[in-house]
Amino acid sequence: MSDTPPDRLCASPDSPFYNEELLSRGVGVRFKGEEKTTVEEYCVSEGWVRLSVGKTMDRKGRPMTLKVTGPVEVWFKDDNADA
């Protein structure tokens, strides 16, 4: 398996960018220098993340999100455990 996370990843199983195997490894996301834990989707090359907004759900039961732009860094969390 690759040591670098994909350019784009989504936590929703309905998305074409969903990958359960990669999500099970644990992916850390740093946005504008601050680690975020509420990221639903990210794209490194386009420089944006979708953050869930509280516990609010849309009419289909998915978390409401807010798309914000800026520098995005990602890494696999399981790599830090080995170090």
Protein backbone atom coordinates (compact mmCIF):
# COMPACT_ATOMS: atom_id res chain seq x y z
CA MET A 1 0.00 0.00 0.00
CA SER A 2 1.19 3.52 -0.75
CA ASP A 3 2.61 5.72 2.01
CA THR A 4 1.00 8.87 0.60
CA PRO A 5 -2.73 9.56 0.90
CA PRO A 6 -4.74 10.21 -2.28
CA ASP A 7 -5.20 13.72 -3.67
CA ARG A 8 -8.92 13.55 -2.90
CA LEU A 9 -10.84 11.45 -0.37
CA CYS A 10 -14.40 11.47 0.94
CA ALA A 11 -15.98 9.88 4.02
CA SER A 12 -19.38 9.36 2.32
CA PRO A 13 -19.93 5.89 0.79
CA ASP A 14 -22.03 7.49 -1.98
CA SER A 15 -19.03 9.44 -3.33
CA PRO A 16 -16.77 8.13 -6.13
CA PHE A 17 -13.82 9.33 -3.96
CA TYR A 18 -14.76 7.04 -1.04
CA ASN A 19 -12.19 4.37 -0.11
CA GLU A 20 -12.97 2.33 3.01
CA GLU A 21 -9.51 0.73 3.12
CA LEU A 22 -7.73 4.10 3.25
CA LEU A 23 -10.17 5.54 5.78
CA SER A 24 -9.62 2.56 8.08
CA ARG A 25 -5.89 3.42 8.19
CA GLY A 26 -6.77 6.84 9.58
CA VAL A 27 -6.09 10.01 7.63
CA GLY A 28 -4.96 13.19 9.36
CA VAL A 29 -5.84 16.54 7.78
CA ARG A 30 -4.18 19.86 8.51
CA PHE A 31 -5.97 22.89 7.08
CA LYS A 32 -4.28 26.31 7.25
CA GLY A 33 -1.78 24.88 9.75
CA GLU A 34 -4.42 23.54 12.17
CA GLU A 35 -5.36 19.85 12.47
CA LYS A 36 -9.06 19.32 11.75
CA THR A 37 -11.13 16.36 12.97
CA THR A 38 -14.47 17.21 11.32
CA VAL A 39 -13.35 16.82 7.69
CA GLU A 40 -15.87 14.99 5.49
CA GLU A 41 -13.95 15.43 2.21
CA TYR A 42 -10.72 17.05 1.03
CA CYS A 43 -8.84 17.83 -2.18
CA VAL A 44 -5.15 18.72 -1.88
CA SER A 45 -4.58 19.84 -5.50
CA GLU A 46 -7.58 22.21 -5.50
CA GLY A 47 -6.90 23.37 -1.92
CA TRP A 48 -10.23 22.84 -0.17
CA VAL A 49 -11.91 20.81 2.58
CA ARG A 50 -15.53 20.12 3.48
CA LEU A 51 -16.06 20.44 7.22
CA SER A 52 -19.16 19.14 8.97
CA VAL A 53 -21.18 21.87 10.66
CA GLY A 54 -22.04 20.74 14.18
CA LYS A 55 -24.45 17.82 14.45
CA THR A 56 -26.84 19.19 11.81
CA MET A 57 -28.00 16.71 9.16
CA ASP A 58 -29.46 17.28 5.71
CA ARG A 59 -32.75 15.70 4.61
CA LYS A 60 -30.94 12.51 3.53
CA GLY A 61 -29.29 12.03 6.93
CA ARG A 62 -25.80 13.16 5.89
CA PRO A 63 -23.87 15.80 7.85
CA MET A 64 -24.26 19.40 6.69
CA THR A 65 -20.93 20.65 5.37
CA LEU A 66 -19.15 23.89 4.64
CA LYS A 67 -16.55 24.05 1.85
CA VAL A 68 -13.55 26.23 2.70
CA THR A 69 -10.41 26.89 0.68
CA GLY A 70 -6.79 27.13 1.73
CA PRO A 71 -3.62 25.03 2.04
CA VAL A 72 -4.33 21.36 2.83
CA GLU A 73 -1.86 18.76 4.17
CA VAL A 74 -2.76 15.09 4.66
CA TRP A 75 -1.00 12.06 6.17
CA PHE A 76 -1.77 8.56 7.37
CA LYS A 77 -2.13 8.44 11.15
CA ASP A 78 -0.87 4.85 11.42
CA ASP A 79 2.57 6.00 10.15
CA ASN A 80 3.00 8.11 13.31
CA ALA A 81 2.42 5.08 15.54
CA ASP A 82 5.38 3.25 13.95
CA ALA A 83 7.78 6.17 14.46
